[in-house]
PDB file of N, CA and C in Angstrom:
ATOM      1  N   MET A   1       7.956 -66.438 -57.462  1.00  0.00           N
ATOM      2  CA  MET A   1       7.170 -65.229 -57.616  1.00  0.00           C
ATOM      3  C   MET A   1       5.784 -65.386 -56.997  1.00  0.00           C
ATOM      4  N   LYS A   2       5.146 -66.530 -57.260  1.00  0.00           N
ATOM      5  CA  LYS A   2       3.820 -66.764 -56.693  1.00  0.00           C
ATOM      6  C   LYS A   2       3.884 -66.794 -55.171  1.00  0.00           C
ATOM      7  N   THR A   3       4.938 -67.401 -54.643  1.00  0.00           N
ATOM      8  CA  THR A   3       5.087 -67.487 -53.191  1.00  0.00           C
ATOM      9  C   THR A   3       5.249 -66.102 -52.582  1.00  0.00           C
ATOM     10  N   THR A   4       5.998 -65.246 -53.228  1.00  0.00           N
ATOM     11  CA  THR A   4       6.203 -63.889 -52.730  1.00  0.00           C
ATOM     12  C   THR A   4       4.894 -63.112 -52.731  1.00  0.00           C
ATOM     13  N   LEU A   5       4.155 -63.203 -53.809  1.00  0.00           N
ATOM     14  CA  LEU A   5       2.865 -62.511 -53.880  1.00  0.00           C
ATOM     15  C   LEU A   5       1.892 -63.043 -52.840  1.00  0.00           C
ATOM     16  N   LEU A   6       1.883 -64.336 -52.666  1.00  0.00           N
ATOM     17  CA  LEU A   6       1.002 -64.940 -51.675  1.00  0.00           C
ATOM     18  C   LEU A   6       1.376 -64.486 -50.269  1.00  0.00           C
ATOM     19  N   THR A   7       2.657 -64.397 -49.990  1.00  0.00           N
ATOM     20  CA  THR A   7       3.126 -63.941 -48.682  1.00  0.00           C
ATOM     21  C   THR A   7       2.736 -62.490 -48.435  1.00  0.00           C
ATOM     22  N   VAL A   8       2.935 -61.645 -49.420  1.00  0.00           N
ATOM     23  CA  VAL A   8       2.555 -60.235 -49.293  1.00  0.00           C
ATOM     24  C   VAL A   8       1.053 -60.113 -49.081  1.00  0.00           C
ATOM     25  N   PHE A   9       0.279 -60.837 -49.846  1.00  0.00           N
ATOM     26  CA  PHE A   9      -1.175 -60.810 -49.706  1.00  0.00           C
ATOM     27  C   PHE A   9      -1.591 -61.293 -48.316  1.00  0.00           C
ATOM     28  N   ALA A  10      -0.964 -62.360 -47.839  1.00  0.00           N
ATOM     29  CA  ALA A  10      -1.292 -62.914 -46.519  1.00  0.00           C
ATOM     30  C   ALA A  10      -0.967 -61.929 -45.408  1.00  0.00           C
ATOM     31  N   CYS A  11       0.006 -61.075 -45.612  1.00  0.00           N
ATOM     32  CA  CYS A  11       0.358 -60.069 -44.609  1.00  0.00           C
ATOM     33  C   CYS A  11      -0.559 -58.853 -44.666  1.00  0.00           C
ATOM     34  N   LEU A  12      -1.056 -58.527 -45.839  1.00  0.00           N
ATOM     35  CA  LEU A  12      -1.888 -57.335 -45.998  1.00  0.00           C
ATOM     36  C   LEU A  12      -3.342 -57.553 -45.606  1.00  0.00           C
ATOM     37  N   VAL A  13      -3.850 -58.740 -45.763  1.00  0.00           N
ATOM     38  CA  VAL A  13      -5.256 -59.011 -45.440  1.00  0.00           C
ATOM     39  C   VAL A  13      -5.548 -58.755 -43.964  1.00  0.00           C
ATOM     40  N   PRO A  14      -4.740 -59.265 -43.018  1.00  0.00           N
ATOM     41  CA  PRO A  14      -5.034 -58.973 -41.611  1.00  0.00           C
ATOM     42  C   PRO A  14      -4.992 -57.487 -41.292  1.00  0.00           C
ATOM     43  N   LEU A  15      -4.108 -56.737 -41.945  1.00  0.00           N
ATOM     44  CA  LEU A  15      -4.060 -55.295 -41.717  1.00  0.00           C
ATOM     45  C   LEU A  15      -5.351 -54.622 -42.161  1.00  0.00           C
ATOM     46  N   ALA A  16      -5.901 -55.061 -43.257  1.00  0.00           N
ATOM     47  CA  ALA A  16      -7.168 -54.501 -43.736  1.00  0.00           C
ATOM     48  C   ALA A  16      -8.299 -54.831 -42.773  1.00  0.00           C
ATOM     49  N   LEU A  17      -8.278 -56.022 -42.213  1.00  0.00           N
ATOM     50  CA  LEU A  17      -9.324 -56.416 -41.273  1.00  0.00           C
ATOM     51  C   LEU A  17      -9.240 -55.621 -39.977  1.00  0.00           C
ATOM     52  N   LEU A  18      -8.042 -55.262 -39.551  1.00  0.00           N
ATOM     53  CA  LEU A  18      -7.884 -54.476 -38.333  1.00  0.00           C
ATOM     54  C   LEU A  18      -8.501 -53.090 -38.477  1.00  0.00           C
ATOM     55  N   ARG A  19      -8.490 -52.566 -39.662  1.00  0.00           N
ATOM     56  CA  ARG A  19      -9.030 -51.230 -39.897  1.00  0.00           C
ATOM     57  C   ARG A  19     -10.538 -51.233 -40.114  1.00  0.00           C
ATOM     58  N   ALA A  20     -11.130 -52.402 -40.243  1.00  0.00           N
ATOM     59  CA  ALA A  20     -12.567 -52.498 -40.498  1.00  0.00           C
ATOM     60  C   ALA A  20     -13.344 -51.976 -39.289  1.00  0.00           C
ATOM     61  N   GLU A  21     -14.396 -51.279 -39.554  1.00  0.00           N
ATOM     62  CA  GLU A  21     -15.254 -50.733 -38.508  1.00  0.00           C
ATOM     63  C   GLU A  21     -16.134 -51.841 -37.949  1.00  0.00           C
ATOM     64  N   LEU A  22     -16.180 -51.931 -36.629  1.00  0.00           N
ATOM     65  CA  LEU A  22     -17.030 -52.937 -36.007  1.00  0.00           C
ATOM     66  C   LEU A  22     -18.483 -52.496 -36.069  1.00  0.00           C
ATOM     67  N   GLN A  23     -19.357 -53.436 -36.256  1.00  0.00           N
ATOM     68  CA  GLN A  23     -20.782 -53.155 -36.331  1.00  0.00           C
ATOM     69  C   GLN A  23     -21.305 -52.804 -34.946  1.00  0.00           C
ATOM     70  N   GLN A  24     -22.122 -51.763 -34.880  1.00  0.00           N
ATOM     71  CA  GLN A  24     -22.737 -51.363 -33.624  1.00  0.00           C
ATOM     72  C   GLN A  24     -24.006 -52.172 -33.407  1.00  0.00           C
ATOM     73  N   VAL A  25     -24.162 -52.712 -32.216  1.00  0.00           N
ATOM     74  CA  VAL A  25     -25.337 -53.494 -31.851  1.00  0.00           C
ATOM     75  C   VAL A  25     -26.166 -52.647 -30.901  1.00  0.00           C
ATOM     76  N   HIS A  26     -27.489 -52.660 -31.056  1.00  0.00           N
ATOM     77  CA  HIS A  26     -28.329 -51.783 -30.248  1.00  0.00           C
ATOM     78  C   HIS A  26     -29.267 -52.526 -29.305  1.00  0.00           C
ATOM     79  N   LYS A  27     -29.801 -53.650 -29.720  1.00  0.00           N
ATOM     80  CA  LYS A  27     -30.789 -54.350 -28.896  1.00  0.00           C
ATOM     81  C   LYS A  27     -30.114 -55.456 -28.090  1.00  0.00           C
ATOM     82  N   VAL A  28     -29.568 -55.054 -26.935  1.00  0.00           N
ATOM     83  CA  VAL A  28     -28.899 -55.993 -26.044  1.00  0.00           C
ATOM     84  C   VAL A  28     -29.425 -55.740 -24.639  1.00  0.00           C
ATOM     85  N   ASP A  29     -29.721 -56.803 -23.908  1.00  0.00           N
ATOM     86  CA  ASP A  29     -30.128 -56.641 -22.515  1.00  0.00           C
ATOM     87  C   ASP A  29     -28.945 -56.098 -21.731  1.00  0.00           C
ATOM     88  N   SER A  30     -29.174 -55.035 -20.973  1.00  0.00           N
ATOM     89  CA  SER A  30     -28.054 -54.364 -20.314  1.00  0.00           C
ATOM     90  C   SER A  30     -27.453 -55.175 -19.167  1.00  0.00           C
ATOM     91  N   GLN A  31     -28.273 -55.908 -18.416  1.00  0.00           N
ATOM     92  CA  GLN A  31     -27.732 -56.643 -17.267  1.00  0.00           C
ATOM     93  C   GLN A  31     -26.693 -57.691 -17.682  1.00  0.00           C
ATOM     94  N   PRO A  32     -26.977 -58.588 -18.637  1.00  0.00           N
ATOM     95  CA  PRO A  32     -25.941 -59.549 -19.038  1.00  0.00           C
ATOM     96  C   PRO A  32     -24.712 -58.875 -19.655  1.00  0.00           C
ATOM     97  N   LEU A  33     -24.925 -57.806 -20.407  1.00  0.00           N
ATOM     98  CA  LEU A  33     -23.801 -57.088 -21.009  1.00  0.00           C
ATOM     99  C   LEU A  33     -22.888 -56.531 -19.927  1.00  0.00           C
ATOM    100  N   LEU A  34     -23.482 -55.895 -18.921  1.00  0.00           N
ATOM    101  CA  LEU A  34     -22.677 -55.305 -17.855  1.00  0.00           C
ATOM    102  C   LEU A  34     -21.973 -56.370 -17.022  1.00  0.00           C
ATOM    103  N   LEU A  35     -22.599 -57.533 -16.852  1.00  0.00           N
ATOM    104  CA  LEU A  35     -21.929 -58.628 -16.142  1.00  0.00           C
ATOM    105  C   LEU A  35     -20.704 -59.108 -16.913  1.00  0.00           C
ATOM    106  N   GLN A  36     -20.818 -59.210 -18.225  1.00  0.00           N
ATOM    107  CA  GLN A  36     -19.675 -59.629 -19.037  1.00  0.00           C
ATOM    108  C   GLN A  36     -18.566 -58.573 -19.022  1.00  0.00           C
ATOM    109  N   VAL A  37     -18.951 -57.313 -19.020  1.00  0.00           N
ATOM    110  CA  VAL A  37     -17.965 -56.237 -18.944  1.00  0.00           C
ATOM    111  C   VAL A  37     -17.222 -56.311 -17.612  1.00  0.00           C
ATOM    112  N   LYS A  38     -17.963 -56.572 -16.534  1.00  0.00           N
ATOM    113  CA  LYS A  38     -17.330 -56.699 -15.214  1.00  0.00           C
ATOM    114  C   LYS A  38     -16.352 -57.873 -15.200  1.00  0.00           C
ATOM    115  N   ARG A  39     -16.745 -58.994 -15.793  1.00  0.00           N
ATOM    116  CA  ARG A  39     -15.852 -60.154 -15.863  1.00  0.00           C
ATOM    117  C   ARG A  39     -14.598 -59.827 -16.667  1.00  0.00           C
ATOM    118  N   LEU A  40     -14.769 -59.095 -17.747  1.00  0.00           N
ATOM    119  CA  LEU A  40     -13.624 -58.685 -18.558  1.00  0.00           C
ATOM    120  C   LEU A  40     -12.669 -57.824 -17.742  1.00  0.00           C
ATOM    121  N   GLN A  41     -13.218 -56.855 -17.009  1.00  0.00           N
ATOM    122  CA  GLN A  41     -12.387 -55.993 -16.178  1.00  0.00           C
ATOM    123  C   GLN A  41     -11.641 -56.804 -15.119  1.00  0.00           C
ATOM    124  N   GLU A  42     -12.335 -57.729 -14.467  1.00  0.00           N
ATOM    125  CA  GLU A  42     -11.705 -58.553 -13.437  1.00  0.00           C
ATOM    126  C   GLU A  42     -10.597 -59.420 -14.027  1.00  0.00           C
ATOM    127  N   ALA A  43     -10.838 -59.979 -15.198  1.00  0.00           N
ATOM    128  CA  ALA A  43      -9.830 -60.829 -15.835  1.00  0.00           C
ATOM    129  C   ALA A  43      -8.593 -60.013 -16.210  1.00  0.00           C
ATOM    130  N   LEU A  44      -8.809 -58.833 -16.761  1.00  0.00           N
ATOM    131  CA  LEU A  44      -7.671 -57.988 -17.122  1.00  0.00           C
ATOM    132  C   LEU A  44      -6.897 -57.537 -15.887  1.00  0.00           C
ATOM    133  N   ASP A  45      -7.612 -57.222 -14.805  1.00  0.00           N
ATOM    134  CA  ASP A  45      -6.946 -56.866 -13.548  1.00  0.00           C
ATOM    135  C   ASP A  45      -6.112 -58.033 -13.034  1.00  0.00           C
ATOM    136  N   TYR A  46      -6.674 -59.224 -13.085  1.00  0.00           N
ATOM    137  CA  TYR A  46      -5.983 -60.426 -12.621  1.00  0.00           C
ATOM    138  C   TYR A  46      -4.705 -60.671 -13.423  1.00  0.00           C
ATOM    139  N   LEU A  47      -4.760 -60.393 -14.715  1.00  0.00           N
ATOM    140  CA  LEU A  47      -3.604 -60.594 -15.584  1.00  0.00           C
ATOM    141  C   LEU A  47      -2.566 -59.476 -15.459  1.00  0.00           C
ATOM    142  N   GLY A  48      -2.902 -58.460 -14.679  1.00  0.00           N
ATOM    143  CA  GLY A  48      -1.970 -57.349 -14.508  1.00  0.00           C
ATOM    144  C   GLY A  48      -2.015 -56.336 -15.633  1.00  0.00           C
ATOM    145  N   GLU A  49      -3.077 -56.366 -16.419  1.00  0.00           N
ATOM    146  CA  GLU A  49      -3.256 -55.439 -17.541  1.00  0.00           C
ATOM    147  C   GLU A  49      -4.628 -54.767 -17.436  1.00  0.00           C
ATOM    148  N   PRO A  50      -4.826 -53.941 -16.404  1.00  0.00           N
ATOM    149  CA  PRO A  50      -6.153 -53.333 -16.235  1.00  0.00           C
ATOM    150  C   PRO A  50      -6.494 -52.373 -17.367  1.00  0.00           C
ATOM    151  N   LEU A  51      -7.780 -52.131 -17.507  1.00  0.00           N
ATOM    152  CA  LEU A  51      -8.238 -51.149 -18.491  1.00  0.00           C
ATOM    153  C   LEU A  51      -7.714 -49.772 -18.098  1.00  0.00           C
ATOM    154  N   PRO A  52      -7.504 -48.895 -19.065  1.00  0.00           N
ATOM    155  CA  PRO A  52      -7.110 -47.520 -18.729  1.00  0.00           C
ATOM    156  C   PRO A  52      -8.172 -46.866 -17.841  1.00  0.00           C
ATOM    157  N   ALA A  53      -7.743 -45.946 -17.002  1.00  0.00           N
ATOM    158  CA  ALA A  53      -8.650 -45.298 -16.044  1.00  0.00           C
ATOM    159  C   ALA A  53      -9.828 -44.621 -16.741  1.00  0.00           C
ATOM    160  N   VAL A  54      -9.582 -44.013 -17.881  1.00  0.00           N
ATOM    161  CA  VAL A  54     -10.654 -43.330 -18.620  1.00  0.00           C
ATOM    162  C   VAL A  54     -11.709 -44.341 -19.065  1.00  0.00           C
ATOM    163  N   THR A  55     -11.267 -45.479 -19.569  1.00  0.00           N
ATOM    164  CA  THR A  55     -12.192 -46.523 -20.017  1.00  0.00           C
ATOM    165  C   THR A  55     -12.973 -47.077 -18.842  1.00  0.00           C
ATOM    166  N   ALA A  56     -12.290 -47.334 -17.734  1.00  0.00           N
ATOM    167  CA  ALA A  56     -12.962 -47.856 -16.540  1.00  0.00           C
ATOM    168  C   ALA A  56     -14.015 -46.872 -16.043  1.00  0.00           C
ATOM    169  N   GLN A  57     -13.715 -45.577 -16.094  1.00  0.00           N
ATOM    170  CA  GLN A  57     -14.673 -44.561 -15.658  1.00  0.00           C
ATOM    171  C   GLN A  57     -15.890 -44.531 -16.580  1.00  0.00           C
ATOM    172  N   LYS A  58     -15.668 -44.659 -17.887  1.00  0.00           N
ATOM    173  CA  LYS A  58     -16.794 -44.684 -18.832  1.00  0.00           C
ATOM    174  C   LYS A  58     -17.673 -45.907 -18.588  1.00  0.00           C
ATOM    175  N   LEU A  59     -17.057 -47.042 -18.295  1.00  0.00           N
ATOM    176  CA  LEU A  59     -17.832 -48.256 -18.020  1.00  0.00           C
ATOM    177  C   LEU A  59     -18.596 -48.129 -16.708  1.00  0.00           C
ATOM    178  N   GLU A  60     -18.015 -47.448 -15.737  1.00  0.00           N
ATOM    179  CA  GLU A  60     -18.711 -47.205 -14.469  1.00  0.00           C
ATOM    180  C   GLU A  60     -19.937 -46.323 -14.708  1.00  0.00           C
ATOM    181  N   THR A  61     -19.795 -45.334 -15.567  1.00  0.00           N
ATOM    182  CA  THR A  61     -20.926 -44.480 -15.929  1.00  0.00           C
ATOM    183  C   THR A  61     -22.013 -45.307 -16.605  1.00  0.00           C
ATOM    184  N   ALA A  62     -21.622 -46.219 -17.481  1.00  0.00           N
ATOM    185  CA  ALA A  62     -22.595 -47.086 -18.155  1.00  0.00           C
ATOM    186  C   ALA A  62     -23.330 -47.957 -17.151  1.00  0.00           C
ATOM    187  N   THR A  63     -22.630 -48.416 -16.113  1.00  0.00           N
ATOM    188  CA  THR A  63     -23.242 -49.260 -15.084  1.00  0.00           C
ATOM    189  C   THR A  63     -24.340 -48.509 -14.339  1.00  0.00           C
ATOM    190  N   LYS A  64     -24.155 -47.219 -14.151  1.00  0.00           N
ATOM    191  CA  LYS A  64     -25.115 -46.415 -13.390  1.00  0.00           C
ATOM    192  C   LYS A  64     -26.242 -45.849 -14.259  1.00  0.00           C
ATOM    193  N   THR A  65     -26.169 -46.070 -15.555  1.00  0.00           N
ATOM    194  CA  THR A  65     -27.144 -45.516 -16.494  1.00  0.00           C
ATOM    195  C   THR A  65     -28.350 -46.439 -16.628  1.00  0.00           C
ATOM    196  N   LYS A  66     -29.509 -45.856 -16.776  1.00  0.00           N
ATOM    197  CA  LYS A  66     -30.743 -46.608 -17.006  1.00  0.00           C
ATOM    198  C   LYS A  66     -31.048 -46.620 -18.499  1.00  0.00           C
ATOM    199  N   GLY A  67     -31.619 -47.700 -18.968  1.00  0.00           N
ATOM    200  CA  GLY A  67     -32.003 -47.796 -20.376  1.00  0.00           C
ATOM    201  C   GLY A  67     -31.029 -48.640 -21.167  1.00  0.00           C
ATOM    202  N   GLY A  68     -31.528 -49.737 -21.720  1.00  0.00           N
ATOM    203  CA  GLY A  68     -30.682 -50.709 -22.400  1.00  0.00           C
ATOM    204  C   GLY A  68     -29.914 -50.168 -23.585  1.00  0.00           C
ATOM    205  N   VAL A  69     -30.571 -49.401 -24.445  1.00  0.00           N
ATOM    206  CA  VAL A  69     -29.910 -48.898 -25.653  1.00  0.00           C
ATOM    207  C   VAL A  69     -28.798 -47.926 -25.277  1.00  0.00           C
ATOM    208  N   LYS A  70     -29.054 -47.074 -24.308  1.00  0.00           N
ATOM    209  CA  LYS A  70     -28.049 -46.099 -23.885  1.00  0.00           C
ATOM    210  C   LYS A  70     -26.859 -46.799 -23.232  1.00  0.00           C
ATOM    211  N   VAL A  71     -27.123 -47.805 -22.406  1.00  0.00           N
ATOM    212  CA  VAL A  71     -26.049 -48.571 -21.761  1.00  0.00           C
ATOM    213  C   VAL A  71     -25.195 -49.251 -22.821  1.00  0.00           C
ATOM    214  N   THR A  72     -25.841 -49.880 -23.781  1.00  0.00           N
ATOM    215  CA  THR A  72     -25.117 -50.572 -24.850  1.00  0.00           C
ATOM    216  C   THR A  72     -24.231 -49.602 -25.616  1.00  0.00           C
ATOM    217  N   ARG A  73     -24.757 -48.439 -25.932  1.00  0.00           N
ATOM    218  CA  ARG A  73     -23.987 -47.439 -26.672  1.00  0.00           C
ATOM    219  C   ARG A  73     -22.779 -46.975 -25.856  1.00  0.00           C
ATOM    220  N   LEU A  74     -22.974 -46.735 -24.559  1.00  0.00           N
ATOM    221  CA  LEU A  74     -21.872 -46.288 -23.711  1.00  0.00           C
ATOM    222  C   LEU A  74     -20.774 -47.346 -23.601  1.00  0.00           C
ATOM    223  N   VAL A  75     -21.173 -48.607 -23.466  1.00  0.00           N
ATOM    224  CA  VAL A  75     -20.188 -49.693 -23.370  1.00  0.00           C
ATOM    225  C   VAL A  75     -19.404 -49.805 -24.673  1.00  0.00           C
ATOM    226  N   GLN A  76     -20.096 -49.750 -25.797  1.00  0.00           N
ATOM    227  CA  GLN A  76     -19.414 -49.867 -27.089  1.00  0.00           C
ATOM    228  C   GLN A  76     -18.473 -48.690 -27.328  1.00  0.00           C
ATOM    229  N   GLN A  77     -18.863 -47.505 -26.903  1.00  0.00           N
ATOM    230  CA  GLN A  77     -17.988 -46.347 -27.066  1.00  0.00           C
ATOM    231  C   GLN A  77     -16.758 -46.459 -26.170  1.00  0.00           C
ATOM    232  N   ALA A  78     -16.941 -46.999 -24.971  1.00  0.00           N
ATOM    233  CA  ALA A  78     -15.823 -47.124 -24.031  1.00  0.00           C
ATOM    234  C   ALA A  78     -14.808 -48.148 -24.499  1.00  0.00           C
ATOM    235  N   LEU A  79     -15.306 -49.257 -25.038  1.00  0.00           N
ATOM    236  CA  LEU A  79     -14.399 -50.320 -25.453  1.00  0.00           C
ATOM    237  C   LEU A  79     -14.022 -50.155 -26.911  1.00  0.00           C
TER     238      LEU A  79
END
């Protein structure tokens, strides 16, 4: 009985964590953030799993935007 309950609990905890809202970060330098986003896109392309076109377009818009807080918000919304 204990093993069954432990197994059920172990399966439910990760599901609860998946539904958790990620914390929004605001004070990030935009240049390093955009470089990491570019690396992520390149890696996903290399693996044959590119980002959806809508997401890629939103990230492109973030790249062309001025202002660190706005860029950070756009990147977080896209991803």
